[in-house]
Amino acid sequence: MITVAIAEDHQSLIDGVELLLKYEDEISIVGMANDGEELLKIVRLKQPKVVLMDIRMPKIDGIVATNIIKKEVPHTKIIAFSMFDQEDAVRQMVEAGASGYLLKNSPLEEVLTAIREVAKGGTYFDAAIDPSLFTKDAKQPSKKQVLSKSEREILKLIGQGKTSSEIAAIRFNSVSTIETHRKNIIRKLDLHGKGELLRYAIEKKYDF
């Protein structure tokens, strides 16, 4: 079971995410908070597996809250959930210990995908985020290491000639989620468009 806490100062957004997650059998929402102080109380008591973390919150902001949570409850994974894609915000959340970063205009299905990926120990970053911002080591990882498990699986299917619709059906995702993954892969591998992605996937399909 993936236990989730949601920290967001807009109640309508909390309600939307709650509606998305409440019908997922493997996910349980253990708390919802409108400010950082309230979130810390929930995390200390419930120790959720994943926290969906707004950055701009009253009392204690998401960056400070992430720092505190990762020190006190290090096994809890943090996904930043923000309107902002500025470099400073992304870098500060990653340095604080966040395992993912989503923009609030992301499809709700992508929120679900991110939660599942991070809960498994992976990372998940919005396709709009520059991947260099969350490469903390000076040494560049290999391209295979840059991709998440889901992205490697999708790359393999692309290499098999599957369309986004076919991949979505195979993985039980929406087409928009697969398209977002494609954009993520293109950015992470420093490719230029779907044609180059397809060529790369065909060449590397046995390596992923």
C-alpha atoms as a PDB file:
ATOM      1  CA  MET A   1       0.000   0.000   0.000  1.00  0.00           C
ATOM      2  CA  ILE A   2       1.288   3.454  -0.936  1.00  0.00           C
ATOM      3  CA  THR A   3       0.372   5.861   1.852  1.00  0.00           C
ATOM      4  CA  VAL A   4       0.176   9.481   0.701  1.00  0.00           C
ATOM      5  CA  ALA A   5      -0.058  12.867   2.418  1.00  0.00           C
ATOM      6  CA  ILE A   6      -1.037  15.968   0.446  1.00  0.00           C
ATOM      7  CA  ALA A   7       0.191  19.457   1.327  1.00  0.00           C
ATOM      8  CA  GLU A   8      -1.463  22.237  -0.665  1.00  0.00           C
ATOM      9  CA  ASP A   9      -2.850  25.611   0.365  1.00  0.00           C
ATOM     10  CA  HIS A  10      -5.611  25.559  -2.268  1.00  0.00           C
ATOM     11  CA  GLN A  11      -8.347  23.268  -1.008  1.00  0.00           C
ATOM     12  CA  SER A  12      -9.868  22.856  -4.480  1.00  0.00           C
ATOM     13  CA  LEU A  13      -6.625  21.305  -5.729  1.00  0.00           C
ATOM     14  CA  ILE A  14      -6.483  18.982  -2.727  1.00  0.00           C
ATOM     15  CA  ASP A  15     -10.048  17.920  -3.496  1.00  0.00           C
ATOM     16  CA  GLY A  16      -9.117  17.174  -7.116  1.00  0.00           C
ATOM     17  CA  VAL A  17      -6.108  15.054  -6.191  1.00  0.00           C
ATOM     18  CA  GLU A  18      -8.083  13.272  -3.474  1.00  0.00           C
ATOM     19  CA  LEU A  19     -10.803  12.420  -6.001  1.00  0.00           C
ATOM     20  CA  LEU A  20      -8.176  10.988  -8.344  1.00  0.00           C
ATOM     21  CA  LEU A  21      -6.479   8.851  -5.699  1.00  0.00           C
ATOM     22  CA  LYS A  22      -9.409   7.622  -3.634  1.00  0.00           C
ATOM     23  CA  TYR A  23     -10.380   4.988  -6.206  1.00  0.00           C
ATOM     24  CA  GLU A  24      -6.871   3.534  -6.503  1.00  0.00           C
ATOM     25  CA  ASP A  25      -6.742   0.281  -4.540  1.00  0.00           C
ATOM     26  CA  GLU A  26      -3.000   0.461  -3.845  1.00  0.00           C
ATOM     27  CA  ILE A  27      -3.054   4.070  -2.597  1.00  0.00           C
ATOM     28  CA  SER A  28      -4.293   5.362   0.757  1.00  0.00           C
ATOM     29  CA  ILE A  29      -4.455   9.055   1.644  1.00  0.00           C
ATOM     30  CA  VAL A  30      -3.411   9.366   5.305  1.00  0.00           C
ATOM     31  CA  GLY A  31      -3.585  13.141   5.666  1.00  0.00           C
ATOM     32  CA  MET A  32      -4.153  16.481   3.978  1.00  0.00           C
ATOM     33  CA  ALA A  33      -2.707  19.814   5.071  1.00  0.00           C
ATOM     34  CA  ASN A  34      -3.098  23.450   4.031  1.00  0.00           C
ATOM     35  CA  ASP A  35       0.163  24.631   5.609  1.00  0.00           C
ATOM     36  CA  GLY A  36       3.625  23.335   6.460  1.00  0.00           C
ATOM     37  CA  GLU A  37       3.103  23.054  10.204  1.00  0.00           C
ATOM     38  CA  GLU A  38       0.022  20.905   9.783  1.00  0.00           C
ATOM     39  CA  LEU A  39       1.860  18.716   7.274  1.00  0.00           C
ATOM     40  CA  LEU A  40       4.748  18.060   9.660  1.00  0.00           C
ATOM     41  CA  LYS A  41       2.314  16.880  12.335  1.00  0.00           C
ATOM     42  CA  ILE A  42       0.760  14.452   9.839  1.00  0.00           C
ATOM     43  CA  VAL A  43       4.118  13.127   8.625  1.00  0.00           C
ATOM     44  CA  ARG A  44       5.467  12.616  12.138  1.00  0.00           C
ATOM     45  CA  LEU A  45       2.343  10.735  13.150  1.00  0.00           C
ATOM     46  CA  LYS A  46       1.532   8.764   9.983  1.00  0.00           C
ATOM     47  CA  GLN A  47       4.962   8.502   8.277  1.00  0.00           C
ATOM     48  CA  PRO A  48       3.509   8.299   4.741  1.00  0.00           C
ATOM     49  CA  LYS A  49       5.462   6.705   1.931  1.00  0.00           C
ATOM     50  CA  VAL A  50       4.945   9.742  -0.347  1.00  0.00           C
ATOM     51  CA  VAL A  51       4.184  13.429   0.252  1.00  0.00           C
ATOM     52  CA  LEU A  52       2.804  15.609  -2.530  1.00  0.00           C
ATOM     53  CA  MET A  53       4.337  18.914  -1.467  1.00  0.00           C
ATOM     54  CA  ASP A  54       3.317  22.434  -2.443  1.00  0.00           C
ATOM     55  CA  ILE A  55       6.323  24.764  -2.343  1.00  0.00           C
ATOM     56  CA  ARG A  56       4.581  28.014  -1.400  1.00  0.00           C
ATOM     57  CA  MET A  57       2.636  27.328   1.805  1.00  0.00           C
ATOM     58  CA  PRO A  58       1.805  29.365   4.922  1.00  0.00           C
ATOM     59  CA  LYS A  59       3.807  28.994   8.168  1.00  0.00           C
ATOM     60  CA  ILE A  60       6.468  26.643   6.772  1.00  0.00           C
ATOM     61  CA  ASP A  61       7.188  26.514   3.052  1.00  0.00           C
ATOM     62  CA  GLY A  62       7.731  23.329   1.094  1.00  0.00           C
ATOM     63  CA  ILE A  63      11.512  23.624   0.875  1.00  0.00           C
ATOM     64  CA  VAL A  64      11.938  23.923   4.646  1.00  0.00           C
ATOM     65  CA  ALA A  65       9.313  21.223   5.256  1.00  0.00           C
ATOM     66  CA  THR A  66      11.126  18.872   2.859  1.00  0.00           C
ATOM     67  CA  ASN A  67      14.422  19.421   4.679  1.00  0.00           C
ATOM     68  CA  ILE A  68      12.800  18.645   8.028  1.00  0.00           C
ATOM     69  CA  ILE A  69      10.958  15.559   6.766  1.00  0.00           C
ATOM     70  CA  LYS A  70      14.047  14.059   5.112  1.00  0.00           C
ATOM     71  CA  LYS A  71      15.990  14.453   8.370  1.00  0.00           C
ATOM     72  CA  GLU A  72      13.266  13.130  10.665  1.00  0.00           C
ATOM     73  CA  VAL A  73      11.524  10.578   8.421  1.00  0.00           C
ATOM     74  CA  PRO A  74      14.075   9.829   5.679  1.00  0.00           C
ATOM     75  CA  HIS A  75      12.109   6.962   4.131  1.00  0.00           C
ATOM     76  CA  THR A  76       9.256   9.344   3.196  1.00  0.00           C
ATOM     77  CA  LYS A  77       9.531  10.392  -0.459  1.00  0.00           C
ATOM     78  CA  ILE A  78       8.711  13.951  -1.527  1.00  0.00           C
ATOM     79  CA  ILE A  79       7.204  15.102  -4.822  1.00  0.00           C
ATOM     80  CA  ALA A  80       7.226  18.879  -5.257  1.00  0.00           C
ATOM     81  CA  PHE A  81       3.936  20.170  -6.650  1.00  0.00           C
ATOM     82  CA  SER A  82       4.240  23.732  -7.842  1.00  0.00           C
ATOM     83  CA  MET A  83       3.166  26.416 -10.296  1.00  0.00           C
ATOM     84  CA  PHE A  84       6.804  27.412 -10.644  1.00  0.00           C
ATOM     85  CA  ASP A  85       9.442  25.870 -12.906  1.00  0.00           C
ATOM     86  CA  GLN A  86      12.187  28.373 -12.085  1.00  0.00           C
ATOM     87  CA  GLU A  87      15.655  26.887 -11.742  1.00  0.00           C
ATOM     88  CA  ASP A  88      16.065  28.020  -8.130  1.00  0.00           C
ATOM     89  CA  ALA A  89      12.829  26.389  -6.980  1.00  0.00           C
ATOM     90  CA  VAL A  90      13.624  23.079  -8.677  1.00  0.00           C
ATOM     91  CA  ARG A  91      17.222  23.005  -7.470  1.00  0.00           C
ATOM     92  CA  GLN A  92      16.321  23.902  -3.889  1.00  0.00           C
ATOM     93  CA  MET A  93      13.693  21.168  -3.699  1.00  0.00           C
ATOM     94  CA  VAL A  94      16.063  18.574  -5.137  1.00  0.00           C
ATOM     95  CA  GLU A  95      18.823  19.637  -2.747  1.00  0.00           C
ATOM     96  CA  ALA A  96      16.324  19.405   0.129  1.00  0.00           C
ATOM     97  CA  GLY A  97      15.653  15.793  -0.834  1.00  0.00           C
ATOM     98  CA  ALA A  98      12.687  15.773  -3.236  1.00  0.00           C
ATOM     99  CA  SER A  99      12.454  12.737  -5.526  1.00  0.00           C
ATOM    100  CA  GLY A 100      10.132  14.401  -8.035  1.00  0.00           C
ATOM    101  CA  TYR A 101       8.833  17.722  -9.287  1.00  0.00           C
ATOM    102  CA  LEU A 102       5.461  18.260 -10.980  1.00  0.00           C
ATOM    103  CA  LEU A 103       3.853  21.431 -12.257  1.00  0.00           C
ATOM    104  CA  LYS A 104       0.280  22.059 -11.160  1.00  0.00           C
ATOM    105  CA  ASN A 105      -0.919  22.187 -14.747  1.00  0.00           C
ATOM    106  CA  SER A 106       0.108  18.542 -15.186  1.00  0.00           C
ATOM    107  CA  PRO A 107      -2.689  16.065 -16.019  1.00  0.00           C
ATOM    108  CA  LEU A 108      -3.957  14.381 -12.864  1.00  0.00           C
ATOM    109  CA  GLU A 109      -3.032  11.014 -14.384  1.00  0.00           C
ATOM    110  CA  GLU A 110       0.582  12.179 -14.333  1.00  0.00           C
ATOM    111  CA  VAL A 111       0.317  12.836 -10.592  1.00  0.00           C
ATOM    112  CA  LEU A 112      -0.680   9.198 -10.151  1.00  0.00           C
ATOM    113  CA  THR A 113       2.210   8.017 -12.326  1.00  0.00           C
ATOM    114  CA  ALA A 114       4.676  10.152 -10.346  1.00  0.00           C
ATOM    115  CA  ILE A 115       3.440   8.799  -7.010  1.00  0.00           C
ATOM    116  CA  ARG A 116       3.832   5.204  -8.168  1.00  0.00           C
ATOM    117  CA  GLU A 117       7.302   5.804  -9.611  1.00  0.00           C
ATOM    118  CA  VAL A 118       8.620   7.629  -6.544  1.00  0.00           C
ATOM    119  CA  ALA A 119       7.092   5.076  -4.150  1.00  0.00           C
ATOM    120  CA  LYS A 120       9.148   2.386  -5.922  1.00  0.00           C
ATOM    121  CA  GLY A 121      12.305   4.341  -5.206  1.00  0.00           C
ATOM    122  CA  GLY A 122      12.530   6.104  -8.565  1.00  0.00           C
ATOM    123  CA  THR A 123      12.333   9.746  -9.550  1.00  0.00           C
ATOM    124  CA  TYR A 124       9.803  11.640 -11.631  1.00  0.00           C
ATOM    125  CA  PHE A 125      10.181  15.114 -13.091  1.00  0.00           C
ATOM    126  CA  ASP A 126       7.792  17.113 -15.233  1.00  0.00           C
ATOM    127  CA  ALA A 127       8.717  17.171 -18.914  1.00  0.00           C
ATOM    128  CA  ALA A 128       8.981  20.965 -18.720  1.00  0.00           C
ATOM    129  CA  ILE A 129      11.819  20.765 -16.174  1.00  0.00           C
ATOM    130  CA  ASP A 130      15.390  21.013 -17.451  1.00  0.00           C
ATOM    131  CA  PRO A 131      16.952  17.656 -16.484  1.00  0.00           C
ATOM    132  CA  SER A 132      20.320  19.280 -15.730  1.00  0.00           C
ATOM    133  CA  LEU A 133      18.685  20.909 -12.703  1.00  0.00           C
ATOM    134  CA  PHE A 134      18.247  17.605 -10.916  1.00  0.00           C
ATOM    135  CA  THR A 135      21.609  16.057 -11.811  1.00  0.00           C
ATOM    136  CA  LYS A 136      23.259  16.747  -8.479  1.00  0.00           C
ATOM    137  CA  ASP A 137      26.541  14.957  -9.174  1.00  0.00           C
ATOM    138  CA  ALA A 138      29.204  16.660 -11.222  1.00  0.00           C
ATOM    139  CA  LYS A 139      29.806  13.351 -12.932  1.00  0.00           C
ATOM    140  CA  GLN A 140      27.209  12.873 -15.648  1.00  0.00           C
ATOM    141  CA  PRO A 141      25.248   9.626 -15.304  1.00  0.00           C
ATOM    142  CA  SER A 142      24.880   7.344 -18.293  1.00  0.00           C
ATOM    143  CA  LYS A 143      21.809   7.858 -20.437  1.00  0.00           C
ATOM    144  CA  LYS A 144      20.382   4.614 -19.171  1.00  0.00           C
ATOM    145  CA  GLN A 145      20.740   5.804 -15.563  1.00  0.00           C
ATOM    146  CA  VAL A 146      19.071   9.132 -16.384  1.00  0.00           C
ATOM    147  CA  LEU A 147      15.837   7.430 -17.409  1.00  0.00           C
ATOM    148  CA  SER A 148      13.344   6.118 -14.874  1.00  0.00           C
ATOM    149  CA  LYS A 149      12.203   2.499 -15.016  1.00  0.00           C
ATOM    150  CA  SER A 150       8.920   3.560 -16.652  1.00  0.00           C
ATOM    151  CA  GLU A 151      10.760   5.629 -19.249  1.00  0.00           C
ATOM    152  CA  ARG A 152      13.065   2.712 -20.095  1.00  0.00           C
ATOM    153  CA  GLU A 153      10.039   0.437 -20.532  1.00  0.00           C
ATOM    154  CA  ILE A 154       8.352   2.988 -22.793  1.00  0.00           C
ATOM    155  CA  LEU A 155      11.563   3.472 -24.780  1.00  0.00           C
ATOM    156  CA  LYS A 156      11.696  -0.272 -25.372  1.00  0.00           C
ATOM    157  CA  LEU A 157       8.104  -0.238 -26.657  1.00  0.00           C
ATOM    158  CA  ILE A 158       8.904   2.725 -28.920  1.00  0.00           C
ATOM    159  CA  GLY A 159      11.813   0.689 -30.285  1.00  0.00           C
ATOM    160  CA  GLN A 160       9.320  -2.078 -31.081  1.00  0.00           C
ATOM    161  CA  GLY A 161       7.387   0.377 -33.237  1.00  0.00           C
ATOM    162  CA  LYS A 162       4.472   0.902 -30.850  1.00  0.00           C
ATOM    163  CA  THR A 163       2.446   4.104 -31.150  1.00  0.00           C
ATOM    164  CA  SER A 164       1.557   6.253 -28.126  1.00  0.00           C
ATOM    165  CA  SER A 165      -1.987   4.847 -28.223  1.00  0.00           C
ATOM    166  CA  GLU A 166      -0.695   1.268 -28.241  1.00  0.00           C
ATOM    167  CA  ILE A 167       1.761   1.978 -25.418  1.00  0.00           C
ATOM    168  CA  ALA A 168      -0.998   3.646 -23.383  1.00  0.00           C
ATOM    169  CA  ALA A 169      -3.183   0.537 -23.780  1.00  0.00           C
ATOM    170  CA  ILE A 170      -0.320  -1.800 -22.808  1.00  0.00           C
ATOM    171  CA  ARG A 171       0.576   0.239 -19.711  1.00  0.00           C
ATOM    172  CA  PHE A 172      -2.961   1.242 -18.731  1.00  0.00           C
ATOM    173  CA  ASN A 173      -2.066   4.937 -19.009  1.00  0.00           C
ATOM    174  CA  SER A 174      -3.675   7.798 -20.882  1.00  0.00           C
ATOM    175  CA  VAL A 175      -2.209   8.817 -24.230  1.00  0.00           C
ATOM    176  CA  SER A 176      -1.350  12.233 -22.727  1.00  0.00           C
ATOM    177  CA  THR A 177       0.731  10.516 -20.017  1.00  0.00           C
ATOM    178  CA  ILE A 178       2.688   8.557 -22.647  1.00  0.00           C
ATOM    179  CA  GLU A 179       3.236  11.735 -24.662  1.00  0.00           C
ATOM    180  CA  THR A 180       4.595  13.407 -21.520  1.00  0.00           C
ATOM    181  CA  HIS A 181       6.957  10.470 -21.011  1.00  0.00           C
ATOM    182  CA  ARG A 182       8.115  10.837 -24.629  1.00  0.00           C
ATOM    183  CA  LYS A 183       8.903  14.517 -24.040  1.00  0.00           C
ATOM    184  CA  ASN A 184      10.758  13.613 -20.837  1.00  0.00           C
ATOM    185  CA  ILE A 185      12.838  10.995 -22.635  1.00  0.00           C
ATOM    186  CA  ILE A 186      13.659  13.375 -25.500  1.00  0.00           C
ATOM    187  CA  ARG A 187      14.825  16.047 -23.050  1.00  0.00           C
ATOM    188  CA  LYS A 188      16.814  13.668 -20.849  1.00  0.00           C
ATOM    189  CA  LEU A 189      18.598  12.043 -23.783  1.00  0.00           C
ATOM    190  CA  ASP A 190      19.181  15.389 -25.503  1.00  0.00           C
ATOM    191  CA  LEU A 191      17.407  14.251 -28.663  1.00  0.00           C
ATOM    192  CA  HIS A 192      15.611  16.411 -31.201  1.00  0.00           C
ATOM    193  CA  GLY A 193      12.048  15.365 -31.910  1.00  0.00           C
ATOM    194  CA  LYS A 194      10.126  12.110 -32.252  1.00  0.00           C
ATOM    195  CA  GLY A 195      12.034  10.952 -35.332  1.00  0.00           C
ATOM    196  CA  GLU A 196      15.362  10.991 -33.515  1.00  0.00           C
ATOM    197  CA  LEU A 197      13.720   9.345 -30.481  1.00  0.00           C
ATOM    198  CA  LEU A 198      12.455   6.508 -32.664  1.00  0.00           C
ATOM    199  CA  ARG A 199      15.880   5.978 -34.236  1.00  0.00           C
ATOM    200  CA  TYR A 200      17.530   5.972 -30.806  1.00  0.00           C
ATOM    201  CA  ALA A 201      14.927   3.540 -29.429  1.00  0.00           C
ATOM    202  CA  ILE A 202      15.401   1.154 -32.354  1.00  0.00           C
ATOM    203  CA  GLU A 203      19.195   1.228 -31.983  1.00  0.00           C
ATOM    204  CA  LYS A 204      19.119   0.784 -28.194  1.00  0.00           C
ATOM    205  CA  LYS A 205      16.027  -1.378 -27.698  1.00  0.00           C
ATOM    206  CA  TYR A 206      18.037  -4.302 -26.313  1.00  0.00           C
ATOM    207  CA  ASP A 207      20.005  -2.097 -23.910  1.00  0.00           C
ATOM    208  CA  PHE A 208      17.050  -0.831 -21.920  1.00  0.00           C
END
